[in-house]
mmCIF file of all heavy atoms, coordinates in Angstrom:
data_MODEL
# 
_entry.id   MODEL 
# 
loop_
_atom_site.group_PDB 
_atom_site.id 
_atom_site.type_symbol 
_atom_site.label_atom_id 
_atom_site.label_alt_id 
_atom_site.label_comp_id 
_atom_site.label_asym_id 
_atom_site.label_entity_id 
_atom_site.label_seq_id 
_atom_site.pdbx_PDB_ins_code 
_atom_site.Cartn_x 
_atom_site.Cartn_y 
_atom_site.Cartn_z 
_atom_site.occupancy 
_atom_site.B_iso_or_equiv 
_atom_site.pdbx_formal_charge 
_atom_site.auth_seq_id 
_atom_site.auth_comp_id 
_atom_site.auth_asym_id 
_atom_site.auth_atom_id 
_atom_site.pdbx_PDB_model_num 
ATOM 1   N N   . MET A 1 1  ? 0.855   -1.200  0.000  1.00 0.00 ? 1  MET A N   1 
ATOM 2   C CA  . MET A 1 1  ? 0.000   0.000   0.000  1.00 0.00 ? 1  MET A CA  1 
ATOM 3   C C   . MET A 1 1  ? 0.883   1.239   0.000  1.00 0.00 ? 1  MET A C   1 
ATOM 4   O O   . MET A 1 1  ? 1.962   1.233   0.601  1.00 0.00 ? 1  MET A O   1 
ATOM 5   C CB  . MET A 1 1  ? -0.874  0.042   1.258  1.00 0.00 ? 1  MET A CB  1 
ATOM 6   C CG  . MET A 1 1  ? -1.936  -1.016  1.327  1.00 0.00 ? 1  MET A CG  1 
ATOM 7   S SD  . MET A 1 1  ? -3.289  -0.747  0.179  1.00 0.00 ? 1  MET A SD  1 
ATOM 8   C CE  . MET A 1 1  ? -4.107  0.651   0.900  1.00 0.00 ? 1  MET A CE  1 
ATOM 9   N N   . ASP A 1 2  ? 0.432   2.292   -0.654 1.00 0.00 ? 2  ASP A N   1 
ATOM 10  C CA  . ASP A 1 2  ? 1.154   3.559   -0.595 1.00 0.00 ? 2  ASP A CA  1 
ATOM 11  C C   . ASP A 1 2  ? 0.168   4.707   -0.717 1.00 0.00 ? 2  ASP A C   1 
ATOM 12  O O   . ASP A 1 2  ? -0.617  4.770   -1.667 1.00 0.00 ? 2  ASP A O   1 
ATOM 13  C CB  . ASP A 1 2  ? 2.197   3.637   -1.712 1.00 0.00 ? 2  ASP A CB  1 
ATOM 14  C CG  . ASP A 1 2  ? 3.040   4.900   -1.597 1.00 0.00 ? 2  ASP A CG  1 
ATOM 15  O OD1 . ASP A 1 2  ? 3.398   5.272   -0.466 1.00 0.00 ? 2  ASP A OD1 1 
ATOM 16  O OD2 . ASP A 1 2  ? 3.320   5.535   -2.634 1.00 0.00 ? 2  ASP A OD2 1 
ATOM 17  N N   . LYS A 1 3  ? 0.178   5.592   0.274  1.00 0.00 ? 3  LYS A N   1 
ATOM 18  C CA  . LYS A 1 3  ? -0.684  6.784   0.285  1.00 0.00 ? 3  LYS A CA  1 
ATOM 19  C C   . LYS A 1 3  ? -2.147  6.451   0.023  1.00 0.00 ? 3  LYS A C   1 
ATOM 20  O O   . LYS A 1 3  ? -2.839  7.120   -0.745 1.00 0.00 ? 3  LYS A O   1 
ATOM 21  C CB  . LYS A 1 3  ? -0.163  7.816   -0.719 1.00 0.00 ? 3  LYS A CB  1 
ATOM 22  C CG  . LYS A 1 3  ? 1.205   8.319   -0.309 1.00 0.00 ? 3  LYS A CG  1 
ATOM 23  C CD  . LYS A 1 3  ? 1.738   9.403   -1.206 1.00 0.00 ? 3  LYS A CD  1 
ATOM 24  C CE  . LYS A 1 3  ? 3.093   9.885   -0.663 1.00 0.00 ? 3  LYS A CE  1 
ATOM 25  N NZ  . LYS A 1 3  ? 3.804   10.738  -1.543 1.00 0.00 ? 3  LYS A NZ  1 
ATOM 26  N N   . GLY A 1 4  ? -2.606  5.362   0.650  1.00 0.00 ? 4  GLY A N   1 
ATOM 27  C CA  . GLY A 1 4  ? -4.018  5.006   0.550  1.00 0.00 ? 4  GLY A CA  1 
ATOM 28  C C   . GLY A 1 4  ? -4.386  4.200   -0.684 1.00 0.00 ? 4  GLY A C   1 
ATOM 29  O O   . GLY A 1 4  ? -5.516  3.751   -0.814 1.00 0.00 ? 4  GLY A O   1 
ATOM 30  N N   . GLY A 1 5  ? -3.439  4.008   -1.605 1.00 0.00 ? 5  GLY A N   1 
ATOM 31  C CA  . GLY A 1 5  ? -3.726  3.262   -2.835 1.00 0.00 ? 5  GLY A CA  1 
ATOM 32  C C   . GLY A 1 5  ? -3.000  1.929   -2.852 1.00 0.00 ? 5  GLY A C   1 
ATOM 33  O O   . GLY A 1 5  ? -1.989  1.750   -2.172 1.00 0.00 ? 5  GLY A O   1 
ATOM 34  N N   . VAL A 1 6  ? -3.518  0.989   -3.650 1.00 0.00 ? 6  VAL A N   1 
ATOM 35  C CA  . VAL A 1 6  ? -2.913  -0.344  -3.741 1.00 0.00 ? 6  VAL A CA  1 
ATOM 36  C C   . VAL A 1 6  ? -1.774  -0.307  -4.756 1.00 0.00 ? 6  VAL A C   1 
ATOM 37  O O   . VAL A 1 6  ? -1.962  0.078   -5.901 1.00 0.00 ? 6  VAL A O   1 
ATOM 38  C CB  . VAL A 1 6  ? -3.971  -1.393  -4.178 1.00 0.00 ? 6  VAL A CB  1 
ATOM 39  C CG1 . VAL A 1 6  ? -3.336  -2.767  -4.328 1.00 0.00 ? 6  VAL A CG1 1 
ATOM 40  C CG2 . VAL A 1 6  ? -5.114  -1.449  -3.173 1.00 0.00 ? 6  VAL A CG2 1 
ATOM 41  N N   . ASN A 1 7  ? -0.583  -0.722  -4.300 1.00 0.00 ? 7  ASN A N   1 
ATOM 42  C CA  . ASN A 1 7  ? 0.590   -0.795  -5.190 1.00 0.00 ? 7  ASN A CA  1 
ATOM 43  C C   . ASN A 1 7  ? 0.823   -2.209  -5.703 1.00 0.00 ? 7  ASN A C   1 
ATOM 44  O O   . ASN A 1 7  ? 1.226   -2.409  -6.829 1.00 0.00 ? 7  ASN A O   1 
ATOM 45  C CB  . ASN A 1 7  ? 1.852   -0.365  -4.425 1.00 0.00 ? 7  ASN A CB  1 
ATOM 46  C CG  . ASN A 1 7  ? 2.138   1.100   -4.617 1.00 0.00 ? 7  ASN A CG  1 
ATOM 47  O OD1 . ASN A 1 7  ? 1.381   1.773   -5.290 1.00 0.00 ? 7  ASN A OD1 1 
ATOM 48  N ND2 . ASN A 1 7  ? 3.207   1.588   -4.022 1.00 0.00 ? 7  ASN A ND2 1 
ATOM 49  N N   . ASP A 1 8  ? 0.624   -3.186  -4.795 1.00 0.00 ? 8  ASP A N   1 
ATOM 50  C CA  . ASP A 1 8  ? 0.855   -4.594  -5.139 1.00 0.00 ? 8  ASP A CA  1 
ATOM 51  C C   . ASP A 1 8  ? -0.287  -5.414  -4.541 1.00 0.00 ? 8  ASP A C   1 
ATOM 52  O O   . ASP A 1 8  ? -0.355  -5.613  -3.325 1.00 0.00 ? 8  ASP A O   1 
ATOM 53  C CB  . ASP A 1 8  ? 2.212   -5.041  -4.578 1.00 0.00 ? 8  ASP A CB  1 
ATOM 54  C CG  . ASP A 1 8  ? 2.576   -6.456  -5.031 1.00 0.00 ? 8  ASP A CG  1 
ATOM 55  O OD1 . ASP A 1 8  ? 1.662   -7.301  -5.110 1.00 0.00 ? 8  ASP A OD1 1 
ATOM 56  O OD2 . ASP A 1 8  ? 3.771   -6.710  -5.285 1.00 0.00 ? 8  ASP A OD2 1 
ATOM 57  N N   . LEU A 1 9  ? -1.175  -5.873  -5.411 1.00 0.00 ? 9  LEU A N   1 
ATOM 58  C CA  . LEU A 1 9  ? -2.399  -6.548  -4.971 1.00 0.00 ? 9  LEU A CA  1 
ATOM 59  C C   . LEU A 1 9  ? -2.099  -7.795  -4.131 1.00 0.00 ? 9  LEU A C   1 
ATOM 60  O O   . LEU A 1 9  ? -2.687  -7.985  -3.071 1.00 0.00 ? 9  LEU A O   1 
ATOM 61  C CB  . LEU A 1 9  ? -3.227  -6.930  -6.206 1.00 0.00 ? 9  LEU A CB  1 
ATOM 62  C CG  . LEU A 1 9  ? -4.738  -7.005  -6.009 1.00 0.00 ? 9  LEU A CG  1 
ATOM 63  C CD1 . LEU A 1 9  ? -5.305  -5.655  -5.689 1.00 0.00 ? 9  LEU A CD1 1 
ATOM 64  C CD2 . LEU A 1 9  ? -5.401  -7.561  -7.242 1.00 0.00 ? 9  LEU A CD2 1 
ATOM 65  N N   . ASN A 1 10 ? -1.153  -8.612  -4.592 1.00 0.00 ? 10 ASN A N   1 
ATOM 66  C CA  . ASN A 1 10 ? -0.867  -9.874  -3.890 1.00 0.00 ? 10 ASN A CA  1 
ATOM 67  C C   . ASN A 1 10 ? -0.334  -9.660  -2.483 1.00 0.00 ? 10 ASN A C   1 
ATOM 68  O O   . ASN A 1 10 ? -0.697  -10.376 -1.549 1.00 0.00 ? 10 ASN A O   1 
ATOM 69  C CB  . ASN A 1 10 ? 0.131   -10.724 -4.695 1.00 0.00 ? 10 ASN A CB  1 
ATOM 70  C CG  . ASN A 1 10 ? -0.490  -11.213 -5.993 1.00 0.00 ? 10 ASN A CG  1 
ATOM 71  O OD1 . ASN A 1 10 ? -1.707  -11.344 -6.088 1.00 0.00 ? 10 ASN A OD1 1 
ATOM 72  N ND2 . ASN A 1 10 ? 0.336   -11.449 -7.001 1.00 0.00 ? 10 ASN A ND2 1 
ATOM 73  N N   . LEU A 1 11 ? 0.544   -8.653  -2.326 1.00 0.00 ? 11 LEU A N   1 
ATOM 74  C CA  . LEU A 1 11 ? 1.101   -8.367  -0.995 1.00 0.00 ? 11 LEU A CA  1 
ATOM 75  C C   . LEU A 1 11 ? 0.016   -7.879  -0.043 1.00 0.00 ? 11 LEU A C   1 
ATOM 76  O O   . LEU A 1 11 ? -0.014  -8.252  1.134  1.00 0.00 ? 11 LEU A O   1 
ATOM 77  C CB  . LEU A 1 11 ? 2.217   -7.322  -1.093 1.00 0.00 ? 11 LEU A CB  1 
ATOM 78  C CG  . LEU A 1 11 ? 3.545   -7.784  -1.696 1.00 0.00 ? 11 LEU A CG  1 
ATOM 79  C CD1 . LEU A 1 11 ? 4.509   -6.624  -1.827 1.00 0.00 ? 11 LEU A CD1 1 
ATOM 80  C CD2 . LEU A 1 11 ? 4.177   -8.883  -0.851 1.00 0.00 ? 11 LEU A CD2 1 
ATOM 81  N N   . VAL A 1 12 ? -0.893  -7.034  -0.557 1.00 0.00 ? 12 VAL A N   1 
ATOM 82  C CA  . VAL A 1 12 ? -1.992  -6.522  0.281  1.00 0.00 ? 12 VAL A CA  1 
ATOM 83  C C   . VAL A 1 12 ? -2.890  -7.687  0.710  1.00 0.00 ? 12 VAL A C   1 
ATOM 84  O O   . VAL A 1 12 ? -3.280  -7.789  1.876  1.00 0.00 ? 12 VAL A O   1 
ATOM 85  C CB  . VAL A 1 12 ? -2.828  -5.450  -0.463 1.00 0.00 ? 12 VAL A CB  1 
ATOM 86  C CG1 . VAL A 1 12 ? -4.003  -4.992  0.393  1.00 0.00 ? 12 VAL A CG1 1 
ATOM 87  C CG2 . VAL A 1 12 ? -1.969  -4.246  -0.820 1.00 0.00 ? 12 VAL A CG2 1 
ATOM 88  N N   . VAL A 1 13 ? -3.191  -8.586  -0.233 1.00 0.00 ? 13 VAL A N   1 
ATOM 89  C CA  . VAL A 1 13 ? -4.045  -9.749  0.069  1.00 0.00 ? 13 VAL A CA  1 
ATOM 90  C C   . VAL A 1 13 ? -3.429  -10.586 1.198  1.00 0.00 ? 13 VAL A C   1 
ATOM 91  O O   . VAL A 1 13 ? -4.118  -10.976 2.142  1.00 0.00 ? 13 VAL A O   1 
ATOM 92  C CB  . VAL A 1 13 ? -4.273  -10.616 -1.202 1.00 0.00 ? 13 VAL A CB  1 
ATOM 93  C CG1 . VAL A 1 13 ? -4.925  -11.942 -0.851 1.00 0.00 ? 13 VAL A CG1 1 
ATOM 94  C CG2 . VAL A 1 13 ? -5.143  -9.854  -2.196 1.00 0.00 ? 13 VAL A CG2 1 
ATOM 95  N N   . GLN A 1 14 ? -2.110  -10.810 1.125  1.00 0.00 ? 14 GLN A N   1 
ATOM 96  C CA  . GLN A 1 14 ? -1.427  -11.582 2.185  1.00 0.00 ? 14 GLN A CA  1 
ATOM 97  C C   . GLN A 1 14 ? -1.552  -10.891 3.539  1.00 0.00 ? 14 GLN A C   1 
ATOM 98  O O   . GLN A 1 14 ? -1.835  -11.539 4.556  1.00 0.00 ? 14 GLN A O   1 
ATOM 99  C CB  . GLN A 1 14 ? 0.056   -11.758 1.829  1.00 0.00 ? 14 GLN A CB  1 
ATOM 100 C CG  . GLN A 1 14 ? 0.298   -12.798 0.747  1.00 0.00 ? 14 GLN A CG  1 
ATOM 101 C CD  . GLN A 1 14 ? 1.743   -12.779 0.260  1.00 0.00 ? 14 GLN A CD  1 
ATOM 102 O OE1 . GLN A 1 14 ? 2.625   -12.230 0.921  1.00 0.00 ? 14 GLN A OE1 1 
ATOM 103 N NE2 . GLN A 1 14 ? 1.987   -13.360 -0.900 1.00 0.00 ? 14 GLN A NE2 1 
ATOM 104 N N   . SER A 1 15 ? -1.330  -9.571  3.559  1.00 0.00 ? 15 SER A N   1 
ATOM 105 C CA  . SER A 1 15 ? -1.421  -8.818  4.819  1.00 0.00 ? 15 SER A CA  1 
ATOM 106 C C   . SER A 1 15 ? -2.827  -8.895  5.396  1.00 0.00 ? 15 SER A C   1 
ATOM 107 O O   . SER A 1 15 ? -3.006  -9.095  6.602  1.00 0.00 ? 15 SER A O   1 
ATOM 108 C CB  . SER A 1 15 ? -1.039  -7.348  4.585  1.00 0.00 ? 15 SER A CB  1 
ATOM 109 O OG  . SER A 1 15 ? 0.241   -7.234  4.042  1.00 0.00 ? 15 SER A OG  1 
ATOM 110 N N   . VAL A 1 16 ? -3.837  -8.724  4.528  1.00 0.00 ? 16 VAL A N   1 
ATOM 111 C CA  . VAL A 1 16 ? -5.232  -8.760  4.980  1.00 0.00 ? 16 VAL A CA  1 
ATOM 112 C C   . VAL A 1 16 ? -5.573  -10.149 5.527  1.00 0.00 ? 16 VAL A C   1 
ATOM 113 O O   . VAL A 1 16 ? -6.185  -10.279 6.592  1.00 0.00 ? 16 VAL A O   1 
ATOM 114 C CB  . VAL A 1 16 ? -6.201  -8.367  3.834  1.00 0.00 ? 16 VAL A CB  1 
ATOM 115 C CG1 . VAL A 1 16 ? -7.660  -8.604  4.238  1.00 0.00 ? 16 VAL A CG1 1 
ATOM 116 C CG2 . VAL A 1 16 ? -6.005  -6.906  3.442  1.00 0.00 ? 16 VAL A CG2 1 
ATOM 117 N N   . LYS A 1 17 ? -5.141  -11.195 4.803  1.00 0.00 ? 17 LYS A N   1 
ATOM 118 C CA  . LYS A 1 17 ? -5.423  -12.570 5.247  1.00 0.00 ? 17 LYS A CA  1 
ATOM 119 C C   . LYS A 1 17 ? -4.882  -12.818 6.651  1.00 0.00 ? 17 LYS A C   1 
ATOM 120 O O   . LYS A 1 17 ? -5.544  -13.418 7.493  1.00 0.00 ? 17 LYS A O   1 
ATOM 121 C CB  . LYS A 1 17 ? -4.806  -13.581 4.267  1.00 0.00 ? 17 LYS A CB  1 
ATOM 122 C CG  . LYS A 1 17 ? -5.708  -13.916 3.086  1.00 0.00 ? 17 LYS A CG  1 
ATOM 123 C CD  . LYS A 1 17 ? -5.085  -14.974 2.199  1.00 0.00 ? 17 LYS A CD  1 
ATOM 124 C CE  . LYS A 1 17 ? -6.038  -15.338 1.055  1.00 0.00 ? 17 LYS A CE  1 
ATOM 125 N NZ  . LYS A 1 17 ? -5.388  -16.125 0.019  1.00 0.00 ? 17 LYS A NZ  1 
ATOM 126 N N   . ARG A 1 18 ? -3.647  -12.343 6.897  1.00 0.00 ? 18 ARG A N   1 
ATOM 127 C CA  . ARG A 1 18 ? -3.017  -12.577 8.208  1.00 0.00 ? 18 ARG A CA  1 
ATOM 128 C C   . ARG A 1 18 ? -3.767  -11.832 9.310  1.00 0.00 ? 18 ARG A C   1 
ATOM 129 O O   . ARG A 1 18 ? -3.977  -12.388 10.387 1.00 0.00 ? 18 ARG A O   1 
ATOM 130 C CB  . ARG A 1 18 ? -1.548  -12.145 8.160  1.00 0.00 ? 18 ARG A CB  1 
ATOM 131 C CG  . ARG A 1 18 ? -0.705  -13.183 7.420  1.00 0.00 ? 18 ARG A CG  1 
ATOM 132 C CD  . ARG A 1 18 ? 0.732   -12.771 7.312  1.00 0.00 ? 18 ARG A CD  1 
ATOM 133 N NE  . ARG A 1 18 ? 1.475   -13.755 6.527  1.00 0.00 ? 18 ARG A NE  1 
ATOM 134 C CZ  . ARG A 1 18 ? 2.590   -13.491 5.884  1.00 0.00 ? 18 ARG A CZ  1 
ATOM 135 N NH1 . ARG A 1 18 ? 3.098   -12.286 5.915  1.00 0.00 ? 18 ARG A NH1 1 
ATOM 136 N NH2 . ARG A 1 18 ? 3.218   -14.429 5.199  1.00 0.00 ? 18 ARG A NH2 1 
ATOM 137 N N   . ALA A 1 19 ? -4.140  -10.578 9.048  1.00 0.00 ? 19 ALA A N   1 
ATOM 138 C CA  . ALA A 1 19 ? -4.851  -9.793  10.060 1.00 0.00 ? 19 ALA A CA  1 
ATOM 139 C C   . ALA A 1 19 ? -6.217  -10.413 10.358 1.00 0.00 ? 19 ALA A C   1 
ATOM 140 O O   . ALA A 1 19 ? -6.618  -10.543 11.526 1.00 0.00 ? 19 ALA A O   1 
ATOM 141 C CB  . ALA A 1 19 ? -5.010  -8.352  9.589  1.00 0.00 ? 19 ALA A CB  1 
ATOM 142 N N   . ILE A 1 20 ? -6.926  -10.825 9.300  1.00 0.00 ? 20 ILE A N   1 
ATOM 143 C CA  . ILE A 1 20 ? -8.261  -11.429 9.470  1.00 0.00 ? 20 ILE A CA  1 
ATOM 144 C C   . ILE A 1 20 ? -8.147  -12.766 10.219 1.00 0.00 ? 20 ILE A C   1 
ATOM 145 O O   . ILE A 1 20 ? -8.940  -13.064 11.120 1.00 0.00 ? 20 ILE A O   1 
ATOM 146 C CB  . ILE A 1 20 ? -8.957  -11.639 8.093  1.00 0.00 ? 20 ILE A CB  1 
ATOM 147 C CG1 . ILE A 1 20 ? -9.295  -10.288 7.436  1.00 0.00 ? 20 ILE A CG1 1 
ATOM 148 C CG2 . ILE A 1 20 ? -10.199 -12.517 8.221  1.00 0.00 ? 20 ILE A CG2 1 
ATOM 149 C CD1 . ILE A 1 20 ? -10.512 -9.567  7.955  1.00 0.00 ? 20 ILE A CD1 1 
ATOM 150 N N   . HIS A 1 21 ? -7.118  -13.550 9.858  1.00 0.00 ? 21 HIS A N   1 
ATOM 151 C CA  . HIS A 1 21 ? -6.916  -14.861 10.505 1.00 0.00 ? 21 HIS A CA  1 
ATOM 152 C C   . HIS A 1 21 ? -6.661  -14.686 12.010 1.00 0.00 ? 21 HIS A C   1 
ATOM 153 O O   . HIS A 1 21 ? -7.244  -15.393 12.838 1.00 0.00 ? 21 HIS A O   1 
ATOM 154 C CB  . HIS A 1 21 ? -5.740  -15.581 9.837  1.00 0.00 ? 21 HIS A CB  1 
ATOM 155 C CG  . HIS A 1 21 ? -5.456  -16.937 10.410 1.00 0.00 ? 21 HIS A CG  1 
ATOM 156 N ND1 . HIS A 1 21 ? -6.377  -17.974 10.337 1.00 0.00 ? 21 HIS A ND1 1 
ATOM 157 C CD2 . HIS A 1 21 ? -4.384  -17.430 11.094 1.00 0.00 ? 21 HIS A CD2 1 
ATOM 158 C CE1 . HIS A 1 21 ? -5.870  -19.036 10.952 1.00 0.00 ? 21 HIS A CE1 1 
ATOM 159 N NE2 . HIS A 1 21 ? -4.666  -18.731 11.417 1.00 0.00 ? 21 HIS A NE2 1 
ATOM 160 N N   . GLU A 1 22 ? -5.810  -13.724 12.338 1.00 0.00 ? 22 GLU A N   1 
ATOM 161 C CA  . GLU A 1 22 ? -5.491  -13.435 13.752 1.00 0.00 ? 22 GLU A CA  1 
ATOM 162 C C   . GLU A 1 22 ? -6.760  -13.023 14.510 1.00 0.00 ? 22 GLU A C   1 
ATOM 163 O O   . GLU A 1 22 ? -7.007  -13.489 15.629 1.00 0.00 ? 22 GLU A O   1 
ATOM 164 C CB  . GLU A 1 22 ? -4.458  -12.297 13.788 1.00 0.00 ? 22 GLU A CB  1 
ATOM 165 C CG  . GLU A 1 22 ? -3.825  -12.049 15.139 1.00 0.00 ? 22 GLU A CG  1 
ATOM 166 C CD  . GLU A 1 22 ? -2.863  -10.872 15.103 1.00 0.00 ? 22 GLU A CD  1 
ATOM 167 O OE1 . GLU A 1 22 ? -2.071  -10.753 14.134 1.00 0.00 ? 22 GLU A OE1 1 
ATOM 168 O OE2 . GLU A 1 22 ? -2.896  -10.056 16.032 1.00 0.00 ? 22 GLU A OE2 1 
ATOM 169 N N   . MET A 1 23 ? -7.570  -12.181 13.868 1.00 0.00 ? 23 MET A N   1 
ATOM 170 C CA  . MET A 1 23 ? -8.821  -11.713 14.484 1.00 0.00 ? 23 MET A CA  1 
ATOM 171 C C   . MET A 1 23 ? -9.804  -12.874 14.684 1.00 0.00 ? 23 MET A C   1 
ATOM 172 O O   . MET A 1 23 ? -10.413 -13.010 15.742 1.00 0.00 ? 23 MET A O   1 
ATOM 173 C CB  . MET A 1 23 ? -9.434  -10.640 13.580 1.00 0.00 ? 23 MET A CB  1 
ATOM 174 C CG  . MET A 1 23 ? -10.784 -10.142 13.993 1.00 0.00 ? 23 MET A CG  1 
ATOM 175 S SD  . MET A 1 23 ? -11.588 -9.314  12.626 1.00 0.00 ? 23 MET A SD  1 
ATOM 176 C CE  . MET A 1 23 ? -12.191 -10.719 11.689 1.00 0.00 ? 23 MET A CE  1 
ATOM 177 N N   . GLU A 1 24 ? -9.927  -13.739 13.657 1.00 0.00 ? 24 GLU A N   1 
ATOM 178 C CA  . GLU A 1 24 ? -10.865 -14.872 13.744 1.00 0.00 ? 24 GLU A CA  1 
ATOM 179 C C   . GLU A 1 24 ? -10.446 -15.864 14.830 1.00 0.00 ? 24 GLU A C   1 
ATOM 180 O O   . GLU A 1 24 ? -11.285 -16.412 15.540 1.00 0.00 ? 24 GLU A O   1 
ATOM 181 C CB  . GLU A 1 24 ? -10.963 -15.590 12.389 1.00 0.00 ? 24 GLU A CB  1 
ATOM 182 C CG  . GLU A 1 24 ? -11.728 -14.796 11.350 1.00 0.00 ? 24 GLU A CG  1 
ATOM 183 C CD  . GLU A 1 24 ? -11.882 -15.532 10.009 1.00 0.00 ? 24 GLU A CD  1 
ATOM 184 O OE1 . GLU A 1 24 ? -11.062 -16.426 9.717  1.00 0.00 ? 24 GLU A OE1 1 
ATOM 185 O OE2 . GLU A 1 24 ? -12.813 -15.199 9.270  1.00 0.00 ? 24 GLU A OE2 1 
ATOM 186 N N   . LEU A 1 25 ? -9.130  -16.076 14.966 1.00 0.00 ? 25 LEU A N   1 
ATOM 187 C CA  . LEU A 1 25 ? -8.623  -16.972 16.014 1.00 0.00 ? 25 LEU A CA  1 
ATOM 188 C C   . LEU A 1 25 ? -8.988  -16.440 17.391 1.00 0.00 ? 25 LEU A C   1 
ATOM 189 O O   . LEU A 1 25 ? -9.440  -17.188 18.260 1.00 0.00 ? 25 LEU A O   1 
ATOM 190 C CB  . LEU A 1 25 ? -7.096  -17.108 15.914 1.00 0.00 ? 25 LEU A CB  1 
ATOM 191 C CG  . LEU A 1 25 ? -6.541  -18.135 14.929 1.00 0.00 ? 25 LEU A CG  1 
ATOM 192 C CD1 . LEU A 1 25 ? -5.022  -18.075 14.931 1.00 0.00 ? 25 LEU A CD1 1 
ATOM 193 C CD2 . LEU A 1 25 ? -7.006  -19.543 15.278 1.00 0.00 ? 25 LEU A CD2 1 
ATOM 194 N N   . MET A 1 26 ? -8.806  -15.134 17.574 1.00 0.00 ? 26 MET A N   1 
ATOM 195 C CA  . MET A 1 26 ? -9.096  -14.537 18.882 1.00 0.00 ? 26 MET A CA  1 
ATOM 196 C C   . MET A 1 26 ? -10.591 -14.592 19.198 1.00 0.00 ? 26 MET A C   1 
ATOM 197 O O   . MET A 1 26 ? -10.998 -14.863 20.323 1.00 0.00 ? 26 MET A O   1 
ATOM 198 C CB  . MET A 1 26 ? -8.602  -13.081 18.911 1.00 0.00 ? 26 MET A CB  1 
ATOM 199 C CG  . MET A 1 26 ? -8.668  -12.467 20.298 1.00 0.00 ? 26 MET A CG  1 
ATOM 200 S SD  . MET A 1 26 ? -8.300  -10.711 20.316 1.00 0.00 ? 26 MET A SD  1 
ATOM 201 C CE  . MET A 1 26 ? -6.551  -10.705 20.275 1.00 0.00 ? 26 MET A CE  1 
ATOM 202 N N   . ALA A 1 27 ? -11.419 -14.336 18.170 1.00 0.00 ? 27 ALA A N   1 
ATOM 203 C CA  . ALA A 1 27 ? -12.868 -14.256 18.399 1.00 0.00 ? 27 ALA A CA  1 
ATOM 204 C C   . ALA A 1 27 ? -13.552 -15.618 18.294 1.00 0.00 ? 27 ALA A C   1 
ATOM 205 O O   . ALA A 1 27 ? -14.742 -15.734 18.614 1.00 0.00 ? 27 ALA A O   1 
ATOM 206 C CB  . ALA A 1 27 ? -13.488 -13.292 17.396 1.00 0.00 ? 27 ALA A CB  1 
ATOM 207 N N   . ASP A 1 28 ? -12.816 -16.627 17.800 1.00 0.00 ? 28 ASP A N   1 
ATOM 208 C CA  . ASP A 1 28 ? -13.376 -17.963 17.583 1.00 0.00 ? 28 ASP A CA  1 
ATOM 209 C C   . ASP A 1 28 ? -14.632 -17.879 16.707 1.00 0.00 ? 28 ASP A C   1 
ATOM 210 O O   . ASP A 1 28 ? -15.716 -18.308 17.089 1.00 0.00 ? 28 ASP A O   1 
ATOM 211 C CB  . ASP A 1 28 ? -13.685 -18.634 18.935 1.00 0.00 ? 28 ASP A CB  1 
ATOM 212 C CG  . ASP A 1 28 ? -14.063 -20.110 18.740 1.00 0.00 ? 28 ASP A CG  1 
ATOM 213 O OD1 . ASP A 1 28 ? -13.654 -20.672 17.712 1.00 0.00 ? 28 ASP A OD1 1 
ATOM 214 O OD2 . ASP A 1 28 ? -14.784 -20.666 19.590 1.00 0.00 ? 28 ASP A OD2 1 
ATOM 215 N N   . CYS A 1 29 ? -14.456 -17.267 15.545 1.00 0.00 ? 29 CYS A N   1 
ATOM 216 C CA  . CYS A 1 29 ? -15.586 -17.124 14.626 1.00 0.00 ? 29 CYS A CA  1 
ATOM 217 C C   . CYS A 1 29 ? -15.053 -17.138 13.201 1.00 0.00 ? 29 CYS A C   1 
ATOM 218 O O   . CYS A 1 29 ? -13.847 -17.120 12.975 1.00 0.00 ? 29 CYS A O   1 
ATOM 219 C CB  . CYS A 1 29 ? -16.320 -15.801 14.885 1.00 0.00 ? 29 CYS A CB  1 
ATOM 220 S SG  . CYS A 1 29 ? -15.338 -14.378 14.408 1.00 0.00 ? 29 CYS A SG  1 
# 
């Protein structure tokens, strides 16, 4: 990501997946 825009789609997808996975593990949902 740079200045609010997507620079590299695949890298952003990986970051989002990790954050969502961490959140789902904590919430058990």
